[in-house]
Amino acid sequence: MGGTNLLFTMAALLIIDHFGRRRLMLVGSIGYILSLGSTAWAFYTYGDAFAAVVKATTPGRRFRGRHRRRSPQYRRAVGLLVFIAFARLRPGA
């Protein structure tokens, strides 16, 4: 698990160095907005069907927060924010 994290962290650093933080942040934010917008539209349009499926498949209680899955756009945008915050804290690093 640690090796996988290290490998993908290094890959992310190379991608950030190649494309730049600003461009990746813009692309990640646009993907995040589109993802949330389409989810909001789907719940607004088909809300009753979603409620019926959740009620039929949830065994007696609602899901709690630890069961939520984040979209790749959300994780990408938040990951970039962490790198930007770190760069602000250590400008010479």
PDB file of N, CA and C in Angstrom:
ATOM      1  N   MET A   1       0.828  -1.198   0.000  1.00  0.00           N
ATOM      2  CA  MET A   1       0.000   0.000   0.000  1.00  0.00           C
ATOM      3  C   MET A   1       0.868   1.256   0.000  1.00  0.00           C
ATOM      4  N   GLY A   2       1.916   1.271   0.817  1.00  0.00           N
ATOM      5  CA  GLY A   2       2.794   2.434   0.870  1.00  0.00           C
ATOM      6  C   GLY A   2       3.534   2.660  -0.440  1.00  0.00           C
ATOM      7  N   GLY A   3       3.943   1.564  -1.084  1.00  0.00           N
ATOM      8  CA  GLY A   3       4.632   1.681  -2.371  1.00  0.00           C
ATOM      9  C   GLY A   3       3.725   2.242  -3.457  1.00  0.00           C
ATOM     10  N   THR A   4       2.462   1.820  -3.422  1.00  0.00           N
ATOM     11  CA  THR A   4       1.497   2.338  -4.384  1.00  0.00           C
ATOM     12  C   THR A   4       1.274   3.836  -4.181  1.00  0.00           C
ATOM     13  N   ASN A   5       1.138   4.246  -2.920  1.00  0.00           N
ATOM     14  CA  ASN A   5       0.983   5.675  -2.624  1.00  0.00           C
ATOM     15  C   ASN A   5       2.193   6.463  -3.096  1.00  0.00           C
ATOM     16  N   LEU A   6       3.372   5.947  -2.853  1.00  0.00           N
ATOM     17  CA  LEU A   6       4.594   6.629  -3.275  1.00  0.00           C
ATOM     18  C   LEU A   6       4.661   6.734  -4.794  1.00  0.00           C
ATOM     19  N   LEU A   7       4.333   5.655  -5.478  1.00  0.00           N
ATOM     20  CA  LEU A   7       4.371   5.642  -6.945  1.00  0.00           C
ATOM     21  C   LEU A   7       3.421   6.686  -7.533  1.00  0.00           C
ATOM     22  N   PHE A   8       2.189   6.706  -7.062  1.00  0.00           N
ATOM     23  CA  PHE A   8       1.222   7.643  -7.618  1.00  0.00           C
ATOM     24  C   PHE A   8       1.470   9.077  -7.162  1.00  0.00           C
ATOM     25  N   THR A   9       2.075   9.261  -5.998  1.00  0.00           N
ATOM     26  CA  THR A   9       2.457  10.612  -5.585  1.00  0.00           C
ATOM     27  C   THR A   9       3.541  11.149  -6.510  1.00  0.00           C
ATOM     28  N   MET A  10       4.506  10.326  -6.842  1.00  0.00           N
ATOM     29  CA  MET A  10       5.560  10.758  -7.771  1.00  0.00           C
ATOM     30  C   MET A  10       4.989  11.038  -9.160  1.00  0.00           C
ATOM     31  N   ALA A  11       4.045  10.195  -9.599  1.00  0.00           N
ATOM     32  CA  ALA A  11       3.405  10.435 -10.889  1.00  0.00           C
ATOM     33  C   ALA A  11       2.636  11.758 -10.867  1.00  0.00           C
ATOM     34  N   ALA A  12       1.946  12.034  -9.769  1.00  0.00           N
ATOM     35  CA  ALA A  12       1.205  13.297  -9.647  1.00  0.00           C
ATOM     36  C   ALA A  12       2.146  14.494  -9.665  1.00  0.00           C
ATOM     37  N   LEU A  13       3.285  14.379  -8.994  1.00  0.00           N
ATOM     38  CA  LEU A  13       4.253  15.477  -8.995  1.00  0.00           C
ATOM     39  C   LEU A  13       4.792  15.738 -10.401  1.00  0.00           C
ATOM     40  N   LEU A  14       5.060  14.668 -11.143  1.00  0.00           N
ATOM     41  CA  LEU A  14       5.531  14.845 -12.521  1.00  0.00           C
ATOM     42  C   LEU A  14       4.472  15.509 -13.403  1.00  0.00           C
ATOM     43  N   ILE A  15       3.222  15.104 -13.225  1.00  0.00           N
ATOM     44  CA  ILE A  15       2.138  15.706 -14.009  1.00  0.00           C
ATOM     45  C   ILE A  15       1.975  17.177 -13.645  1.00  0.00           C
ATOM     46  N   ILE A  16       2.049  17.495 -12.367  1.00  0.00           N
ATOM     47  CA  ILE A  16       1.922  18.886 -11.927  1.00  0.00           C
ATOM     48  C   ILE A  16       3.071  19.718 -12.475  1.00  0.00           C
ATOM     49  N   ASP A  17       4.280  19.180 -12.442  1.00  0.00           N
ATOM     50  CA  ASP A  17       5.429  19.905 -12.991  1.00  0.00           C
ATOM     51  C   ASP A  17       5.301  20.115 -14.493  1.00  0.00           C
ATOM     52  N   HIS A  18       4.744  19.137 -15.185  1.00  0.00           N
ATOM     53  CA  HIS A  18       4.637  19.226 -16.644  1.00  0.00           C
ATOM     54  C   HIS A  18       3.554  20.215 -17.085  1.00  0.00           C
ATOM     55  N   PHE A  19       2.352  20.105 -16.520  1.00  0.00           N
ATOM     56  CA  PHE A  19       1.228  20.914 -16.971  1.00  0.00           C
ATOM     57  C   PHE A  19       1.072  22.221 -16.195  1.00  0.00           C
ATOM     58  N   GLY A  20       1.524  22.258 -14.970  1.00  0.00           N
ATOM     59  CA  GLY A  20       1.370  23.459 -14.152  1.00  0.00           C
ATOM     60  C   GLY A  20       0.154  23.369 -13.244  1.00  0.00           C
ATOM     61  N   ARG A  21       0.288  23.973 -12.064  1.00  0.00           N
ATOM     62  CA  ARG A  21      -0.782  23.886 -11.079  1.00  0.00           C
ATOM     63  C   ARG A  21      -2.040  24.604 -11.531  1.00  0.00           C
ATOM     64  N   ARG A  22      -1.877  25.773 -12.132  1.00  0.00           N
ATOM     65  CA  ARG A  22      -3.042  26.562 -12.498  1.00  0.00           C
ATOM     66  C   ARG A  22      -3.919  25.834 -13.522  1.00  0.00           C
ATOM     67  N   ARG A  23      -3.311  25.287 -14.555  1.00  0.00           N
ATOM     68  CA  ARG A  23      -4.077  24.582 -15.589  1.00  0.00           C
ATOM     69  C   ARG A  23      -4.764  23.346 -15.007  1.00  0.00           C
ATOM     70  N   LEU A  24      -4.069  22.579 -14.191  1.00  0.00           N
ATOM     71  CA  LEU A  24      -4.672  21.384 -13.599  1.00  0.00           C
ATOM     72  C   LEU A  24      -5.792  21.752 -12.633  1.00  0.00           C
ATOM     73  N   MET A  25      -5.611  22.840 -11.892  1.00  0.00           N
ATOM     74  CA  MET A  25      -6.654  23.285 -10.976  1.00  0.00           C
ATOM     75  C   MET A  25      -7.894  23.721 -11.753  1.00  0.00           C
ATOM     76  N   LEU A  26      -7.698  24.398 -12.871  1.00  0.00           N
ATOM     77  CA  LEU A  26      -8.815  24.836 -13.698  1.00  0.00           C
ATOM     78  C   LEU A  26      -9.562  23.631 -14.281  1.00  0.00           C
ATOM     79  N   VAL A  27      -8.827  22.679 -14.828  1.00  0.00           N
ATOM     80  CA  VAL A  27      -9.456  21.487 -15.406  1.00  0.00           C
ATOM     81  C   VAL A  27     -10.173  20.678 -14.318  1.00  0.00           C
ATOM     82  N   GLY A  28      -9.530  20.505 -13.167  1.00  0.00           N
ATOM     83  CA  GLY A  28     -10.153  19.771 -12.072  1.00  0.00           C
ATOM     84  C   GLY A  28     -11.411  20.454 -11.562  1.00  0.00           C
ATOM     85  N   SER A  29     -11.376  21.779 -11.479  1.00  0.00           N
ATOM     86  CA  SER A  29     -12.546  22.524 -11.004  1.00  0.00           C
ATOM     87  C   SER A  29     -13.694  22.438 -11.997  1.00  0.00           C
ATOM     88  N   ILE A  30     -13.388  22.523 -13.274  1.00  0.00           N
ATOM     89  CA  ILE A  30     -14.445  22.408 -14.289  1.00  0.00           C
ATOM     90  C   ILE A  30     -15.067  21.009 -14.242  1.00  0.00           C
ATOM     91  N   GLY A  31     -14.232  19.975 -14.142  1.00  0.00           N
ATOM     92  CA  GLY A  31     -14.756  18.614 -14.035  1.00  0.00           C
ATOM     93  C   GLY A  31     -15.589  18.419 -12.785  1.00  0.00           C
ATOM     94  N   TYR A  32     -15.149  19.037 -11.685  1.00  0.00           N
ATOM     95  CA  TYR A  32     -15.869  18.954 -10.418  1.00  0.00           C
ATOM     96  C   TYR A  32     -17.237  19.630 -10.539  1.00  0.00           C
ATOM     97  N   ILE A  33     -17.283  20.815 -11.149  1.00  0.00           N
ATOM     98  CA  ILE A  33     -18.536  21.539 -11.321  1.00  0.00           C
ATOM     99  C   ILE A  33     -19.481  20.758 -12.231  1.00  0.00           C
ATOM    100  N   LEU A  34     -18.969  20.211 -13.331  1.00  0.00           N
ATOM    101  CA  LEU A  34     -19.817  19.422 -14.237  1.00  0.00           C
ATOM    102  C   LEU A  34     -20.348  18.167 -13.553  1.00  0.00           C
ATOM    103  N   SER A  35     -19.501  17.519 -12.777  1.00  0.00           N
ATOM    104  CA  SER A  35     -19.916  16.310 -12.077  1.00  0.00           C
ATOM    105  C   SER A  35     -21.018  16.610 -11.062  1.00  0.00           C
ATOM    106  N   LEU A  36     -20.829  17.644 -10.263  1.00  0.00           N
ATOM    107  CA  LEU A  36     -21.846  17.999  -9.272  1.00  0.00           C
ATOM    108  C   LEU A  36     -23.123  18.511  -9.936  1.00  0.00           C
ATOM    109  N   GLY A  37     -22.959  19.254 -11.039  1.00  0.00           N
ATOM    110  CA  GLY A  37     -24.135  19.744 -11.752  1.00  0.00           C
ATOM    111  C   GLY A  37     -24.970  18.614 -12.334  1.00  0.00           C
ATOM    112  N   SER A  38     -24.308  17.629 -12.930  1.00  0.00           N
ATOM    113  CA  SER A  38     -25.054  16.500 -13.499  1.00  0.00           C
ATOM    114  C   SER A  38     -25.704  15.662 -12.403  1.00  0.00           C
ATOM    115  N   THR A  39     -25.035  15.526 -11.256  1.00  0.00           N
ATOM    116  CA  THR A  39     -25.632  14.798 -10.137  1.00  0.00           C
ATOM    117  C   THR A  39     -26.851  15.543  -9.599  1.00  0.00           C
ATOM    118  N   ALA A  40     -26.737  16.866  -9.463  1.00  0.00           N
ATOM    119  CA  ALA A  40     -27.876  17.663  -8.993  1.00  0.00           C
ATOM    120  C   ALA A  40     -29.047  17.556  -9.962  1.00  0.00           C
ATOM    121  N   TRP A  41     -28.754  17.625 -11.267  1.00  0.00           N
ATOM    122  CA  TRP A  41     -29.808  17.495 -12.270  1.00  0.00           C
ATOM    123  C   TRP A  41     -30.484  16.132 -12.165  1.00  0.00           C
ATOM    124  N   ALA A  42     -29.684  15.069 -12.006  1.00  0.00           N
ATOM    125  CA  ALA A  42     -30.257  13.724 -11.925  1.00  0.00           C
ATOM    126  C   ALA A  42     -31.145  13.576 -10.691  1.00  0.00           C
ATOM    127  N   PHE A  43     -30.699  14.098  -9.547  1.00  0.00           N
ATOM    128  CA  PHE A  43     -31.543  14.014  -8.349  1.00  0.00           C
ATOM    129  C   PHE A  43     -32.795  14.870  -8.479  1.00  0.00           C
ATOM    130  N   TYR A  44     -32.674  16.017  -9.115  1.00  0.00           N
ATOM    131  CA  TYR A  44     -33.843  16.877  -9.307  1.00  0.00           C
ATOM    132  C   TYR A  44     -34.848  16.222 -10.254  1.00  0.00           C
ATOM    133  N   THR A  45     -34.346  15.620 -11.325  1.00  0.00           N
ATOM    134  CA  THR A  45     -35.219  15.032 -12.333  1.00  0.00           C
ATOM    135  C   THR A  45     -35.803  13.693 -11.882  1.00  0.00           C
ATOM    136  N   TYR A  46     -34.972  12.844 -11.283  1.00  0.00           N
ATOM    137  CA  TYR A  46     -35.389  11.481 -10.936  1.00  0.00           C
ATOM    138  C   TYR A  46     -35.351  11.241  -9.429  1.00  0.00           C
ATOM    139  N   GLY A  47     -35.629  12.246  -8.648  1.00  0.00           N
ATOM    140  CA  GLY A  47     -35.523  12.154  -7.192  1.00  0.00           C
ATOM    141  C   GLY A  47     -36.358  11.050  -6.577  1.00  0.00           C
ATOM    142  N   ASP A  48     -37.586  10.889  -7.039  1.00  0.00           N
ATOM    143  CA  ASP A  48     -38.461   9.861  -6.471  1.00  0.00           C
ATOM    144  C   ASP A  48     -37.928   8.461  -6.744  1.00  0.00           C
ATOM    145  N   ALA A  49     -37.383   8.252  -7.938  1.00  0.00           N
ATOM    146  CA  ALA A  49     -36.831   6.939  -8.274  1.00  0.00           C
ATOM    147  C   ALA A  49     -35.603   6.634  -7.410  1.00  0.00           C
ATOM    148  N   PHE A  50     -34.744   7.645  -7.178  1.00  0.00           N
ATOM    149  CA  PHE A  50     -33.576   7.439  -6.316  1.00  0.00           C
ATOM    150  C   PHE A  50     -34.004   7.096  -4.895  1.00  0.00           C
ATOM    151  N   ALA A  51     -35.008   7.805  -4.398  1.00  0.00           N
ATOM    152  CA  ALA A  51     -35.476   7.547  -3.033  1.00  0.00           C
ATOM    153  C   ALA A  51     -36.022   6.127  -2.901  1.00  0.00           C
ATOM    154  N   ALA A  52     -36.740   5.663  -3.921  1.00  0.00           N
ATOM    155  CA  ALA A  52     -37.297   4.309  -3.883  1.00  0.00           C
ATOM    156  C   ALA A  52     -36.194   3.254  -3.895  1.00  0.00           C
ATOM    157  N   VAL A  53     -35.157   3.482  -4.708  1.00  0.00           N
ATOM    158  CA  VAL A  53     -34.050   2.520  -4.779  1.00  0.00           C
ATOM    159  C   VAL A  53     -33.288   2.488  -3.459  1.00  0.00           C
ATOM    160  N   VAL A  54     -33.016   3.648  -2.887  1.00  0.00           N
ATOM    161  CA  VAL A  54     -32.287   3.698  -1.606  1.00  0.00           C
ATOM    162  C   VAL A  54     -33.095   3.027  -0.518  1.00  0.00           C
ATOM    163  N   LYS A  55     -34.381   3.296  -0.489  1.00  0.00           N
ATOM    164  CA  LYS A  55     -35.230   2.686   0.530  1.00  0.00           C
ATOM    165  C   LYS A  55     -35.300   1.171   0.365  1.00  0.00           C
ATOM    166  N   ALA A  56     -35.341   0.698  -0.870  1.00  0.00           N
ATOM    167  CA  ALA A  56     -35.442  -0.746  -1.120  1.00  0.00           C
ATOM    168  C   ALA A  56     -34.132  -1.471  -0.850  1.00  0.00           C
ATOM    169  N   THR A  57     -33.003  -0.806  -1.022  1.00  0.00           N
ATOM    170  CA  THR A  57     -31.716  -1.489  -0.893  1.00  0.00           C
ATOM    171  C   THR A  57     -31.012  -1.233   0.432  1.00  0.00           C
ATOM    172  N   THR A  58     -31.494  -0.296   1.245  1.00  0.00           N
ATOM    173  CA  THR A  58     -30.858   0.002   2.524  1.00  0.00           C
ATOM    174  C   THR A  58     -31.484  -0.878   3.593  1.00  0.00           C
ATOM    175  N   PRO A  59     -30.674  -1.702   4.250  1.00  0.00           N
ATOM    176  CA  PRO A  59     -31.224  -2.640   5.230  1.00  0.00           C
ATOM    177  C   PRO A  59     -31.535  -1.978   6.578  1.00  0.00           C
ATOM    178  N   GLY A  60     -32.659  -1.309   6.663  1.00  0.00           N
ATOM    179  CA  GLY A  60     -33.120  -0.800   7.944  1.00  0.00           C
ATOM    180  C   GLY A  60     -32.576   0.550   8.380  1.00  0.00           C
ATOM    181  N   ARG A  61     -31.495   1.026   7.817  1.00  0.00           N
ATOM    182  CA  ARG A  61     -30.966   2.330   8.227  1.00  0.00           C
ATOM    183  C   ARG A  61     -30.268   2.993   7.042  1.00  0.00           C
ATOM    184  N   ARG A  62     -30.081   4.263   7.175  1.00  0.00           N
ATOM    185  CA  ARG A  62     -29.440   5.040   6.115  1.00  0.00           C
ATOM    186  C   ARG A  62     -27.927   4.845   6.173  1.00  0.00           C
ATOM    187  N   PHE A  63     -27.289   5.086   5.032  1.00  0.00           N
ATOM    188  CA  PHE A  63     -25.831   5.047   5.002  1.00  0.00           C
ATOM    189  C   PHE A  63     -25.277   6.220   5.770  1.00  0.00           C
ATOM    190  N   ARG A  64     -24.169   6.008   6.410  1.00  0.00           N
ATOM    191  CA  ARG A  64     -23.505   7.097   7.116  1.00  0.00           C
ATOM    192  C   ARG A  64     -22.402   7.667   6.244  1.00  0.00           C
ATOM    193  N   GLY A  65     -21.768   8.720   6.696  1.00  0.00           N
ATOM    194  CA  GLY A  65     -20.779   9.439   5.912  1.00  0.00           C
ATOM    195  C   GLY A  65     -19.592   8.613   5.460  1.00  0.00           C
ATOM    196  N   ARG A  66     -19.204   7.602   6.218  1.00  0.00           N
ATOM    197  CA  ARG A  66     -18.010   6.838   5.846  1.00  0.00           C
ATOM    198  C   ARG A  66     -18.223   5.977   4.604  1.00  0.00           C
ATOM    199  N   HIS A  67     -19.463   5.822   4.168  1.00  0.00           N
ATOM    200  CA  HIS A  67     -19.745   5.016   2.991  1.00  0.00           C
ATOM    201  C   HIS A  67     -19.750   5.826   1.705  1.00  0.00           C
ATOM    202  N   ARG A  68     -19.605   7.151   1.820  1.00  0.00           N
ATOM    203  CA  ARG A  68     -19.642   7.996   0.633  1.00  0.00           C
ATOM    204  C   ARG A  68     -18.404   7.809  -0.221  1.00  0.00           C
ATOM    205  N   ARG A  69     -18.589   7.904  -1.507  1.00  0.00           N
ATOM    206  CA  ARG A  69     -17.476   7.856  -2.448  1.00  0.00           C
ATOM    207  C   ARG A  69     -17.323   9.223  -3.079  1.00  0.00           C
ATOM    208  N   ARG A  70     -16.107   9.661  -3.225  1.00  0.00           N
ATOM    209  CA  ARG A  70     -15.855  10.959  -3.838  1.00  0.00           C
ATOM    210  C   ARG A  70     -15.559  10.775  -5.322  1.00  0.00           C
ATOM    211  N   SER A  71     -15.969  11.731  -6.113  1.00  0.00           N
ATOM    212  CA  SER A  71     -15.708  11.660  -7.545  1.00  0.00           C
ATOM    213  C   SER A  71     -14.226  11.904  -7.818  1.00  0.00           C
ATOM    214  N   PRO A  72     -13.703  11.373  -8.926  1.00  0.00           N
ATOM    215  CA  PRO A  72     -12.294  11.625  -9.252  1.00  0.00           C
ATOM    216  C   PRO A  72     -11.986  13.114  -9.402  1.00  0.00           C
ATOM    217  N   GLN A  73     -12.944  13.897  -9.911  1.00  0.00           N
ATOM    218  CA  GLN A  73     -12.709  15.327 -10.055  1.00  0.00           C
ATOM    219  C   GLN A  73     -12.550  15.986  -8.697  1.00  0.00           C
ATOM    220  N   TYR A  74     -13.345  15.555  -7.734  1.00  0.00           N
ATOM    221  CA  TYR A  74     -13.239  16.111  -6.387  1.00  0.00           C
ATOM    222  C   TYR A  74     -11.873  15.787  -5.786  1.00  0.00           C
ATOM    223  N   ARG A  75     -11.464  14.519  -5.901  1.00  0.00           N
ATOM    224  CA  ARG A  75     -10.175  14.130  -5.337  1.00  0.00           C
ATOM    225  C   ARG A  75      -9.024  14.848  -6.017  1.00  0.00           C
ATOM    226  N   ARG A  76      -9.116  15.026  -7.334  1.00  0.00           N
ATOM    227  CA  ARG A  76      -8.068  15.715  -8.068  1.00  0.00           C
ATOM    228  C   ARG A  76      -7.975  17.176  -7.629  1.00  0.00           C
ATOM    229  N   ALA A  77      -9.112  17.842  -7.507  1.00  0.00           N
ATOM    230  CA  ALA A  77      -9.128  19.251  -7.121  1.00  0.00           C
ATOM    231  C   ALA A  77      -8.615  19.427  -5.696  1.00  0.00           C
ATOM    232  N   VAL A  78      -9.038  18.556  -4.780  1.00  0.00           N
ATOM    233  CA  VAL A  78      -8.586  18.667  -3.397  1.00  0.00           C
ATOM    234  C   VAL A  78      -7.103  18.334  -3.298  1.00  0.00           C
ATOM    235  N   GLY A  79      -6.658  17.347  -4.057  1.00  0.00           N
ATOM    236  CA  GLY A  79      -5.227  17.019  -4.052  1.00  0.00           C
ATOM    237  C   GLY A  79      -4.381  18.186  -4.526  1.00  0.00           C
ATOM    238  N   LEU A  80      -4.849  18.886  -5.539  1.00  0.00           N
ATOM    239  CA  LEU A  80      -4.113  20.053  -6.015  1.00  0.00           C
ATOM    240  C   LEU A  80      -4.113  21.164  -4.984  1.00  0.00           C
ATOM    241  N   LEU A  81      -5.207  21.318  -4.252  1.00  0.00           N
ATOM    242  CA  LEU A  81      -5.238  22.329  -3.210  1.00  0.00           C
ATOM    243  C   LEU A  81      -4.192  22.045  -2.135  1.00  0.00           C
ATOM    244  N   VAL A  82      -4.003  20.771  -1.821  1.00  0.00           N
ATOM    245  CA  VAL A  82      -2.992  20.404  -0.830  1.00  0.00           C
ATOM    246  C   VAL A  82      -1.605  20.788  -1.340  1.00  0.00           C
ATOM    247  N   PHE A  83      -1.308  20.500  -2.609  1.00  0.00           N
ATOM    248  CA  PHE A  83      -0.005  20.868  -3.159  1.00  0.00           C
ATOM    249  C   PHE A  83       0.176  22.385  -3.194  1.00  0.00           C
ATOM    250  N   ILE A  84      -0.859  23.119  -3.529  1.00  0.00           N
ATOM    251  CA  ILE A  84      -0.762  24.579  -3.568  1.00  0.00           C
ATOM    252  C   ILE A  84      -0.545  25.127  -2.165  1.00  0.00           C
ATOM    253  N   ALA A  85      -1.280  24.607  -1.192  1.00  0.00           N
ATOM    254  CA  ALA A  85      -1.093  25.062   0.187  1.00  0.00           C
ATOM    255  C   ALA A  85       0.323  24.753   0.666  1.00  0.00           C
ATOM    256  N   PHE A  86       0.838  23.584   0.333  1.00  0.00           N
ATOM    257  CA  PHE A  86       2.189  23.222   0.734  1.00  0.00           C
ATOM    258  C   PHE A  86       3.208  24.159   0.071  1.00  0.00           C
ATOM    259  N   ALA A  87       2.981  24.494  -1.193  1.00  0.00           N
ATOM    260  CA  ALA A  87       3.896  25.405  -1.906  1.00  0.00           C
ATOM    261  C   ALA A  87       3.857  26.792  -1.281  1.00  0.00           C
ATOM    262  N   ARG A  88       2.701  27.207  -0.801  1.00  0.00           N
ATOM    263  CA  ARG A  88       2.607  28.525  -0.147  1.00  0.00           C
ATOM    264  C   ARG A  88       3.323  28.526   1.195  1.00  0.00           C
ATOM    265  N   LEU A  89       3.261  27.401   1.903  1.00  0.00           N
ATOM    266  CA  LEU A  89       3.911  27.320   3.211  1.00  0.00           C
ATOM    267  C   LEU A  89       5.428  27.234   3.085  1.00  0.00           C
ATOM    268  N   ARG A  90       5.898  26.576   2.036  1.00  0.00           N
ATOM    269  CA  ARG A  90       7.328  26.401   1.818  1.00  0.00           C
ATOM    270  C   ARG A  90       7.706  26.862   0.411  1.00  0.00           C
ATOM    271  N   PRO A  91       7.799  28.174   0.192  1.00  0.00           N
ATOM    272  CA  PRO A  91       8.002  28.672  -1.156  1.00  0.00           C
ATOM    273  C   PRO A  91       9.329  28.252  -1.794  1.00  0.00           C
ATOM    274  N   GLY A  92      10.345  27.990  -1.019  1.00  0.00           N
ATOM    275  CA  GLY A  92      11.646  27.633  -1.597  1.00  0.00           C
ATOM    276  C   GLY A  92      11.829  26.145  -1.816  1.00  0.00           C
ATOM    277  N   ALA A  93      10.889  25.335  -1.350  1.00  0.00           N
ATOM    278  CA  ALA A  93      11.063  23.880  -1.427  1.00  0.00           C
ATOM    279  C   ALA A  93      10.754  23.334  -2.790  1.00  0.00           C
TER     280      ALA A  93
END
